[in-house]
PDB file of N, CA and C in Angstrom:
ATOM      1  N   MET A   1     -23.858   1.068-106.368  1.00  0.00           N
ATOM      2  CA  MET A   1     -24.536  -0.006-107.057  1.00  0.00           C
ATOM      3  C   MET A   1     -25.393  -0.753-106.024  1.00  0.00           C
ATOM      4  N   LYS A   2     -26.582  -1.106-106.410  1.00  0.00           N
ATOM      5  CA  LYS A   2     -27.455  -1.889-105.536  1.00  0.00           C
ATOM      6  C   LYS A   2     -26.915  -3.322-105.437  1.00  0.00           C
ATOM      7  N   LEU A   3     -27.117  -3.930-104.295  1.00  0.00           N
ATOM      8  CA  LEU A   3     -26.623  -5.282-104.064  1.00  0.00           C
ATOM      9  C   LEU A   3     -27.215  -6.264-105.069  1.00  0.00           C
ATOM     10  N   ILE A   4     -28.485  -6.120-105.375  1.00  0.00           N
ATOM     11  CA  ILE A   4     -29.113  -7.031-106.341  1.00  0.00           C
ATOM     12  C   ILE A   4     -28.485  -6.889-107.724  1.00  0.00           C
ATOM     13  N   ASP A   5     -28.105  -5.669-108.090  1.00  0.00           N
ATOM     14  CA  ASP A   5     -27.445  -5.457-109.376  1.00  0.00           C
ATOM     15  C   ASP A   5     -26.058  -6.107-109.400  1.00  0.00           C
ATOM     16  N   TYR A   6     -25.383  -6.047-108.265  1.00  0.00           N
ATOM     17  CA  TYR A   6     -24.074  -6.686-108.170  1.00  0.00           C
ATOM     18  C   TYR A   6     -24.204  -8.197-108.365  1.00  0.00           C
ATOM     19  N   LEU A   7     -25.207  -8.804-107.716  1.00  0.00           N
ATOM     20  CA  LEU A   7     -25.402 -10.247-107.866  1.00  0.00           C
ATOM     21  C   LEU A   7     -25.667 -10.625-109.318  1.00  0.00           C
ATOM     22  N   LYS A   8     -26.519  -9.842-109.976  1.00  0.00           N
ATOM     23  CA  LYS A   8     -26.832 -10.121-111.381  1.00  0.00           C
ATOM     24  C   LYS A   8     -25.600  -9.966-112.252  1.00  0.00           C
ATOM     25  N   GLN A   9     -24.853  -8.890-112.040  1.00  0.00           N
ATOM     26  CA  GLN A   9     -23.657  -8.618-112.838  1.00  0.00           C
ATOM     27  C   GLN A   9     -22.622  -9.727-112.702  1.00  0.00           C
ATOM     28  N   GLU A  10     -22.465 -10.216-111.486  1.00  0.00           N
ATOM     29  CA  GLU A  10     -21.448 -11.231-111.218  1.00  0.00           C
ATOM     30  C   GLU A  10     -21.994 -12.661-111.283  1.00  0.00           C
ATOM     31  N   ASN A  11     -23.299 -12.792-111.570  1.00  0.00           N
ATOM     32  CA  ASN A  11     -23.948 -14.100-111.664  1.00  0.00           C
ATOM     33  C   ASN A  11     -23.761 -14.919-110.377  1.00  0.00           C
ATOM     34  N   ILE A  12     -24.125 -14.292-109.253  1.00  0.00           N
ATOM     35  CA  ILE A  12     -23.990 -14.898-107.934  1.00  0.00           C
ATOM     36  C   ILE A  12     -25.383 -15.180-107.388  1.00  0.00           C
ATOM     37  N   SER A  13     -25.566 -16.345-106.797  1.00  0.00           N
ATOM     38  CA  SER A  13     -26.864 -16.692-106.223  1.00  0.00           C
ATOM     39  C   SER A  13     -27.041 -16.018-104.864  1.00  0.00           C
ATOM     40  N   VAL A  14     -28.283 -15.922-104.439  1.00  0.00           N
ATOM     41  CA  VAL A  14     -28.587 -15.346-103.129  1.00  0.00           C
ATOM     42  C   VAL A  14     -27.902 -16.154-102.036  1.00  0.00           C
ATOM     43  N   GLN A  15     -27.977 -17.468-102.120  1.00  0.00           N
ATOM     44  CA  GLN A  15     -27.351 -18.315-101.099  1.00  0.00           C
ATOM     45  C   GLN A  15     -25.842 -18.123-101.059  1.00  0.00           C
ATOM     46  N   ASP A  16     -25.213 -18.036-102.218  1.00  0.00           N
ATOM     47  CA  ASP A  16     -23.758 -17.834-102.256  1.00  0.00           C
ATOM     48  C   ASP A  16     -23.384 -16.476-101.657  1.00  0.00           C
ATOM     49  N   GLY A  17     -24.173 -15.457-101.953  1.00  0.00           N
ATOM     50  CA  GLY A  17     -23.910 -14.137-101.376  1.00  0.00           C
ATOM     51  C   GLY A  17     -24.048 -14.148 -99.871  1.00  0.00           C
ATOM     52  N   ALA A  18     -25.098 -14.780 -99.386  1.00  0.00           N
ATOM     53  CA  ALA A  18     -25.312 -14.880 -97.942  1.00  0.00           C
ATOM     54  C   ALA A  18     -24.157 -15.625 -97.281  1.00  0.00           C
ATOM     55  N   ASP A  19     -23.751 -16.715 -97.881  1.00  0.00           N
ATOM     56  CA  ASP A  19     -22.636 -17.496 -97.338  1.00  0.00           C
ATOM     57  C   ASP A  19     -21.350 -16.675 -97.307  1.00  0.00           C
ATOM     58  N   GLU A  20     -21.102 -15.926 -98.361  1.00  0.00           N
ATOM     59  CA  GLU A  20     -19.878 -15.136 -98.464  1.00  0.00           C
ATOM     60  C   GLU A  20     -19.761 -14.075 -97.369  1.00  0.00           C
ATOM     61  N   ILE A  21     -20.879 -13.450 -97.019  1.00  0.00           N
ATOM     62  CA  ILE A  21     -20.799 -12.395 -95.997  1.00  0.00           C
ATOM     63  C   ILE A  21     -21.198 -12.882 -94.610  1.00  0.00           C
ATOM     64  N   GLY A  22     -21.600 -14.135 -94.502  1.00  0.00           N
ATOM     65  CA  GLY A  22     -21.863 -14.727 -93.204  1.00  0.00           C
ATOM     66  C   GLY A  22     -23.190 -14.355 -92.567  1.00  0.00           C
ATOM     67  N   VAL A  23     -24.239 -14.279 -93.400  1.00  0.00           N
ATOM     68  CA  VAL A  23     -25.587 -14.025 -92.880  1.00  0.00           C
ATOM     69  C   VAL A  23     -26.530 -15.088 -93.428  1.00  0.00           C
ATOM     70  N   SER A  24     -27.723 -15.150 -92.855  1.00  0.00           N
ATOM     71  CA  SER A  24     -28.693 -16.115 -93.357  1.00  0.00           C
ATOM     72  C   SER A  24     -29.195 -15.697 -94.737  1.00  0.00           C
ATOM     73  N   ARG A  25     -29.689 -16.661 -95.461  1.00  0.00           N
ATOM     74  CA  ARG A  25     -30.282 -16.370 -96.779  1.00  0.00           C
ATOM     75  C   ARG A  25     -31.451 -15.396 -96.614  1.00  0.00           C
ATOM     76  N   GLN A  26     -32.232 -15.585 -95.549  1.00  0.00           N
ATOM     77  CA  GLN A  26     -33.382 -14.720 -95.301  1.00  0.00           C
ATOM     78  C   GLN A  26     -32.944 -13.264 -95.072  1.00  0.00           C
ATOM     79  N   ALA A  27     -31.923 -13.061 -94.262  1.00  0.00           N
ATOM     80  CA  ALA A  27     -31.423 -11.697 -94.026  1.00  0.00           C
ATOM     81  C   ALA A  27     -30.895 -11.097 -95.325  1.00  0.00           C
ATOM     82  N   PHE A  28     -30.119 -11.880 -96.059  1.00  0.00           N
ATOM     83  CA  PHE A  28     -29.547 -11.392 -97.312  1.00  0.00           C
ATOM     84  C   PHE A  28     -30.647 -11.010 -98.292  1.00  0.00           C
ATOM     85  N   ASN A  29     -31.678 -11.828 -98.380  1.00  0.00           N
ATOM     86  CA  ASN A  29     -32.790 -11.527 -99.275  1.00  0.00           C
ATOM     87  C   ASN A  29     -33.470 -10.218 -98.874  1.00  0.00           C
ATOM     88  N   ARG A  30     -33.581  -9.973 -97.581  1.00  0.00           N
ATOM     89  CA  ARG A  30     -34.175  -8.716 -97.120  1.00  0.00           C
ATOM     90  C   ARG A  30     -33.308  -7.515 -97.507  1.00  0.00           C
ATOM     91  N   TYR A  31     -31.991  -7.688 -97.512  1.00  0.00           N
ATOM     92  CA  TYR A  31     -31.116  -6.613 -97.990  1.00  0.00           C
ATOM     93  C   TYR A  31     -31.394  -6.337 -99.464  1.00  0.00           C
ATOM     94  N   LEU A  32     -31.616  -7.399-100.219  1.00  0.00           N
ATOM     95  CA  LEU A  32     -31.861  -7.260-101.658  1.00  0.00           C
ATOM     96  C   LEU A  32     -33.169  -6.532-101.950  1.00  0.00           C
ATOM     97  N   THR A  33     -34.197  -6.819-101.166  1.00  0.00           N
ATOM     98  CA  THR A  33     -35.511  -6.227-101.415  1.00  0.00           C
ATOM     99  C   THR A  33     -35.663  -4.846-100.791  1.00  0.00           C
ATOM    100  N   GLY A  34     -34.729  -4.492 -99.919  1.00  0.00           N
ATOM    101  CA  GLY A  34     -34.810  -3.188 -99.269  1.00  0.00           C
ATOM    102  C   GLY A  34     -35.681  -3.182 -98.029  1.00  0.00           C
ATOM    103  N   SER A  35     -36.168  -4.350 -97.613  1.00  0.00           N
ATOM    104  CA  SER A  35     -37.000  -4.388 -96.407  1.00  0.00           C
ATOM    105  C   SER A  35     -36.159  -4.366 -95.136  1.00  0.00           C
ATOM    106  N   ARG A  36     -34.851  -4.489 -95.302  1.00  0.00           N
ATOM    107  CA  ARG A  36     -33.933  -4.434 -94.169  1.00  0.00           C
ATOM    108  C   ARG A  36     -32.593  -3.902 -94.645  1.00  0.00           C
ATOM    109  N   ARG A  37     -31.957  -3.106 -93.797  1.00  0.00           N
ATOM    110  CA  ARG A  37     -30.607  -2.631 -94.098  1.00  0.00           C
ATOM    111  C   ARG A  37     -29.612  -3.473 -93.305  1.00  0.00           C
ATOM    112  N   PRO A  38     -28.435  -3.693 -93.862  1.00  0.00           N
ATOM    113  CA  PRO A  38     -27.436  -4.470 -93.144  1.00  0.00           C
ATOM    114  C   PRO A  38     -27.020  -3.778 -91.839  1.00  0.00           C
ATOM    115  N   HIS A  39     -26.772  -4.584 -90.826  1.00  0.00           N
ATOM    116  CA  HIS A  39     -26.264  -4.092 -89.552  1.00  0.00           C
ATOM    117  C   HIS A  39     -24.890  -3.458 -89.784  1.00  0.00           C
ATOM    118  N   HIS A  40     -24.525  -2.531 -88.921  1.00  0.00           N
ATOM    119  CA  HIS A  40     -23.253  -1.834 -89.120  1.00  0.00           C
ATOM    120  C   HIS A  40     -22.048  -2.775 -89.063  1.00  0.00           C
ATOM    121  N   THR A  41     -22.222  -3.946 -88.493  1.00  0.00           N
ATOM    122  CA  THR A  41     -21.119  -4.917 -88.487  1.00  0.00           C
ATOM    123  C   THR A  41     -21.070  -5.742 -89.770  1.00  0.00           C
ATOM    124  N   VAL A  42     -22.167  -5.765 -90.503  1.00  0.00           N
ATOM    125  CA  VAL A  42     -22.240  -6.534 -91.751  1.00  0.00           C
ATOM    126  C   VAL A  42     -21.826  -5.682 -92.952  1.00  0.00           C
ATOM    127  N   MET A  43     -22.109  -4.407 -92.896  1.00  0.00           N
ATOM    128  CA  MET A  43     -21.844  -3.540 -94.046  1.00  0.00           C
ATOM    129  C   MET A  43     -20.387  -3.570 -94.499  1.00  0.00           C
ATOM    130  N   PRO A  44     -19.410  -3.531 -93.597  1.00  0.00           N
ATOM    131  CA  PRO A  44     -18.021  -3.622 -94.087  1.00  0.00           C
ATOM    132  C   PRO A  44     -17.722  -4.925 -94.814  1.00  0.00           C
ATOM    133  N   ARG A  45     -18.378  -6.013 -94.421  1.00  0.00           N
ATOM    134  CA  ARG A  45     -18.165  -7.294 -95.110  1.00  0.00           C
ATOM    135  C   ARG A  45     -18.733  -7.242 -96.525  1.00  0.00           C
ATOM    136  N   ILE A  46     -19.877  -6.583 -96.685  1.00  0.00           N
ATOM    137  CA  ILE A  46     -20.468  -6.435 -98.021  1.00  0.00           C
ATOM    138  C   ILE A  46     -19.555  -5.584 -98.895  1.00  0.00           C
ATOM    139  N   ARG A  47     -19.092  -4.470 -98.349  1.00  0.00           N
ATOM    140  CA  ARG A  47     -18.204  -3.585 -99.116  1.00  0.00           C
ATOM    141  C   ARG A  47     -16.932  -4.326 -99.538  1.00  0.00           C
ATOM    142  N   GLU A  48     -16.353  -5.080 -98.613  1.00  0.00           N
ATOM    143  CA  GLU A  48     -15.126  -5.814 -98.924  1.00  0.00           C
ATOM    144  C   GLU A  48     -15.384  -6.921 -99.942  1.00  0.00           C
ATOM    145  N   TRP A  49     -16.449  -7.680 -99.743  1.00  0.00           N
ATOM    146  CA  TRP A  49     -16.785  -8.786-100.642  1.00  0.00           C
ATOM    147  C   TRP A  49     -17.041  -8.298-102.064  1.00  0.00           C
ATOM    148  N   THR A  50     -17.646  -7.118-102.204  1.00  0.00           N
ATOM    149  CA  THR A  50     -17.949  -6.577-103.537  1.00  0.00           C
ATOM    150  C   THR A  50     -16.827  -5.678-104.067  1.00  0.00           C
ATOM    151  N   ASN A  51     -15.700  -5.666-103.381  1.00  0.00           N
ATOM    152  CA  ASN A  51     -14.559  -4.822-103.780  1.00  0.00           C
ATOM    153  C   ASN A  51     -14.962  -3.363-103.911  1.00  0.00           C
ATOM    154  N   GLY A  52     -15.833  -2.920-103.004  1.00  0.00           N
ATOM    155  CA  GLY A  52     -16.243  -1.517-102.976  1.00  0.00           C
ATOM    156  C   GLY A  52     -17.352  -1.150-103.944  1.00  0.00           C
ATOM    157  N   ALA A  53     -17.852  -2.122-104.686  1.00  0.00           N
ATOM    158  CA  ALA A  53     -18.919  -1.820-105.653  1.00  0.00           C
ATOM    159  C   ALA A  53     -20.231  -1.489-104.952  1.00  0.00           C
ATOM    160  N   VAL A  54     -20.465  -2.073-103.769  1.00  0.00           N
ATOM    161  CA  VAL A  54     -21.669  -1.817-102.982  1.00  0.00           C
ATOM    162  C   VAL A  54     -21.223  -1.209-101.655  1.00  0.00           C
ATOM    163  N   THR A  55     -21.736  -0.030-101.349  1.00  0.00           N
ATOM    164  CA  THR A  55     -21.378   0.666-100.114  1.00  0.00           C
ATOM    165  C   THR A  55     -22.630   0.922 -99.286  1.00  0.00           C
ATOM    166  N   ALA A  56     -22.434   1.424 -98.087  1.00  0.00           N
ATOM    167  CA  ALA A  56     -23.565   1.734 -97.204  1.00  0.00           C
ATOM    168  C   ALA A  56     -24.534   2.701 -97.871  1.00  0.00           C
ATOM    169  N   ASP A  57     -24.028   3.661 -98.607  1.00  0.00           N
ATOM    170  CA  ASP A  57     -24.885   4.642 -99.276  1.00  0.00           C
ATOM    171  C   ASP A  57     -25.863   3.986-100.244  1.00  0.00           C
ATOM    172  N   ASP A  58     -25.501   2.841-100.776  1.00  0.00           N
ATOM    173  CA  ASP A  58     -26.361   2.158-101.743  1.00  0.00           C
ATOM    174  C   ASP A  58     -27.614   1.562-101.126  1.00  0.00           C
ATOM    175  N   PHE A  59     -27.686   1.543 -99.810  1.00  0.00           N
ATOM    176  CA  PHE A  59     -28.862   1.004 -99.130  1.00  0.00           C
ATOM    177  C   PHE A  59     -29.851   2.099 -98.727  1.00  0.00           C
ATOM    178  N   PHE A  60     -29.558   3.334 -99.109  1.00  0.00           N
ATOM    179  CA  PHE A  60     -30.433   4.458 -98.793  1.00  0.00           C
ATOM    180  C   PHE A  60     -30.883   5.127-100.075  1.00  0.00           C
ATOM    181  N   GLU A  61     -32.127   5.543-100.096  1.00  0.00           N
ATOM    182  CA  GLU A  61     -32.649   6.279-101.244  1.00  0.00           C
ATOM    183  C   GLU A  61     -32.192   7.725-101.141  1.00  0.00           C
ATOM    184  N   PRO A  62     -31.852   8.348-102.264  1.00  0.00           N
ATOM    185  CA  PRO A  62     -31.443   9.754-102.217  1.00  0.00           C
ATOM    186  C   PRO A  62     -32.607  10.648-101.744  1.00  0.00           C
ATOM    187  N   SER A  63     -32.262  11.688-101.038  1.00  0.00           N
ATOM    188  CA  SER A  63     -33.279  12.646-100.598  1.00  0.00           C
ATOM    189  C   SER A  63     -33.774  13.444-101.795  1.00  0.00           C
ATOM    190  N   PRO A  64     -35.062  13.757-101.821  1.00  0.00           N
ATOM    191  CA  PRO A  64     -35.574  14.577-102.922  1.00  0.00           C
ATOM    192  C   PRO A  64     -34.973  15.981-102.858  1.00  0.00           C
ATOM    193  N   ALA A  65     -34.715  16.534-104.003  1.00  0.00           N
ATOM    194  CA  ALA A  65     -34.160  17.905-104.063  1.00  0.00           C
ATOM    195  C   ALA A  65     -35.192  18.880-103.551  1.00  0.00           C
ATOM    196  N   GLU A  66     -34.721  19.807-102.748  1.00  0.00           N
ATOM    197  CA  GLU A  66     -35.660  20.800-102.187  1.00  0.00           C
ATOM    198  C   GLU A  66     -35.627  22.066-102.998  1.00  0.00           C
TER     199      GLU A  66
END
């Protein structure tokens, strides 16, 4: 699940999400837009905070079938 979809589903604000995982609102917003991927130290916090609904794989686009 994409992080933005999780926020919408759970009715969580960007600021609350950023606060929950301990990053700036600006960094969190970049995760939402896809302009930045979470650092490897942040990703476990996102996975834990979302109870596994959002994983590292959700920040990568699938490779096109060859």
